[in-house]
Protein backbone atom coordinates (compact mmCIF):
# COMPACT_ATOMS: atom_id res chain seq x y z
CA UNK A 1 -31.27 -6.41 0.62
CA UNK A 2 -27.93 -5.12 2.06
CA UNK A 3 -24.85 -6.69 0.66
CA UNK A 4 -21.24 -6.41 1.80
CA UNK A 5 -19.88 -4.54 4.79
CA UNK A 6 -16.39 -3.02 4.64
CA UNK A 7 -14.21 -1.91 7.46
CA UNK A 8 -11.41 0.63 6.60
CA UNK A 9 -8.84 2.19 9.02
CA UNK A 10 -7.07 5.29 7.68
CA UNK A 11 -4.67 7.83 8.97
CA UNK A 12 -6.42 10.51 10.78
CA UNK A 13 -6.22 13.03 7.90
CA UNK A 14 -8.73 15.64 6.96
CA UNK A 15 -8.93 14.30 3.43
CA UNK A 16 -9.00 10.63 4.14
CA UNK A 17 -12.80 10.32 4.21
CA UNK A 18 -13.30 12.10 1.00
CA UNK A 19 -10.58 10.04 -0.69
CA UNK A 20 -12.24 6.77 0.40
CA UNK A 21 -15.53 8.03 -0.72
CA UNK A 22 -14.04 8.98 -4.03
CA UNK A 23 -13.12 5.29 -4.81
CA UNK A 24 -16.75 4.44 -4.52
CA UNK A 25 -17.89 7.63 -6.58
CA UNK A 26 -15.57 6.64 -9.52
CA UNK A 27 -17.54 3.36 -9.61
CA UNK A 28 -20.91 5.04 -9.38
CA UNK A 29 -21.56 3.35 -6.01
CA UNK A 30 -23.54 5.07 -3.29
CA UNK A 31 -23.09 3.10 0.05
CA UNK A 32 -26.26 2.35 2.01
CA UNK A 33 -24.64 3.64 5.19
CA UNK A 34 -21.24 5.11 6.34
CA UNK A 35 -20.10 5.23 9.80
CA UNK A 36 -16.98 7.24 10.43
CA UNK A 37 -15.30 8.08 13.78
CA UNK A 38 -12.06 9.44 14.99
CA UNK A 39 -9.83 7.19 17.15
CA UNK A 40 -6.56 8.89 17.28
CA UNK A 41 -4.31 8.38 15.46
CA UNK A 42 -6.83 6.63 13.08
CA UNK A 43 -10.06 7.41 11.34
CA UNK A 44 -12.35 4.27 11.32
CA UNK A 45 -14.75 4.07 8.50
CA UNK A 46 -17.47 1.22 8.13
CA UNK A 47 -19.48 1.00 4.86
CA UNK A 48 -22.47 -0.89 3.95
CA UNK A 49 -23.13 -1.69 0.32
CA UNK A 50 -26.08 -3.06 -1.56
CA UNK A 51 -26.02 -6.53 -2.84
CA UNK A 52 -25.74 -5.38 -6.44
CA UNK A 53 -22.32 -3.76 -5.56
CA UNK A 54 -21.10 -6.91 -3.96
CA UNK A 55 -19.37 -8.31 -7.12
CA UNK A 56 -17.04 -5.24 -7.18
CA UNK A 57 -15.94 -5.52 -3.55
CA UNK A 58 -12.55 -7.32 -4.38
CA UNK A 59 -11.55 -4.63 -6.83
CA UNK A 60 -12.58 -1.85 -4.42
CA UNK A 61 -10.69 -3.41 -1.46
CA UNK A 62 -7.56 -3.65 -3.72
CA UNK A 63 -7.77 -0.11 -4.65
CA UNK A 64 -8.30 1.14 -1.07
CA UNK A 65 -5.24 -0.98 0.10
CA UNK A 66 -3.18 0.95 -2.52
CA UNK A 67 -3.91 4.32 -1.01
CA UNK A 68 -1.31 5.82 1.08
CA UNK A 69 -3.56 6.98 3.82
CA UNK A 70 -5.30 3.64 4.26
CA UNK A 71 -3.82 1.38 7.02
CA UNK A 72 -6.35 -1.46 6.62
CA UNK A 73 -9.26 -2.38 4.51
CA UNK A 74 -11.18 -5.62 4.65
CA UNK A 75 -14.59 -7.28 4.02
CA UNK A 76 -16.39 -7.87 7.28
CA UNK A 77 -19.68 -9.32 6.04
CA UNK A 78 -20.84 -10.55 2.53
CA UNK A 79 -24.61 -11.09 2.45
CA UNK A 80 -24.18 -13.46 -0.45
CA UNK A 81 -22.35 -15.83 1.80
CA UNK A 82 -23.93 -15.28 5.31
CA UNK A 83 -27.39 -13.94 4.87
CA UNK A 84 -28.40 -10.26 4.83
CA UNK A 85 -28.27 -7.58 7.46
CA UNK A 86 -31.65 -6.35 8.60
CA UNK A 87 -32.59 -3.08 7.31
CA UNK A 88 -33.65 -1.91 10.76
CA UNK A 89 -30.18 -2.76 12.24
CA UNK A 90 -28.44 -0.16 14.38
CA UNK A 91 -25.70 1.93 12.98
CA UNK A 92 -22.57 0.03 11.99
CA UNK A 93 -19.99 -0.20 14.62
CA UNK A 94 -17.36 -2.76 13.44
CA UNK A 95 -14.17 -1.58 14.76
CA UNK A 96 -13.03 -2.43 18.24
CA UNK A 97 -13.01 0.30 20.93
CA UNK A 98 -10.16 2.95 20.71
CA UNK A 99 -8.28 1.25 23.53
CA UNK A 100 -7.86 -1.82 21.57
CA UNK A 101 -6.28 0.09 18.64
CA UNK A 102 -3.74 1.64 20.95
CA UNK A 103 -2.74 -1.62 22.38
CA UNK A 104 -2.39 -3.01 18.92
CA UNK A 105 -0.24 -0.09 17.82
CA UNK A 106 2.08 -0.52 20.83
CA UNK A 107 2.54 -4.23 20.14
CA UNK A 108 3.14 -3.79 16.38
């Protein structure tokens, strides 16, 4: 059963995805699903982890937030608390449409 789902927003940098992936590789974690899309000036990355990886999520989020290229990283769903995600679910799409990010950046 799938576990946690993380949403990460990084700078739109050619190495950002590999740097984020390296955080998981160093912990011997292979995500169930990764969805990545470009929404200038950001790269939006959604990751789905197994339930076995859920206990390590807090440490992973802390490490991601320490990275210079990461703007935001947060837990969207924790299967241990709210029930699992169906295996047949559609690809992850957790971030708001690109227009919302532009509006947020103008306000901030």
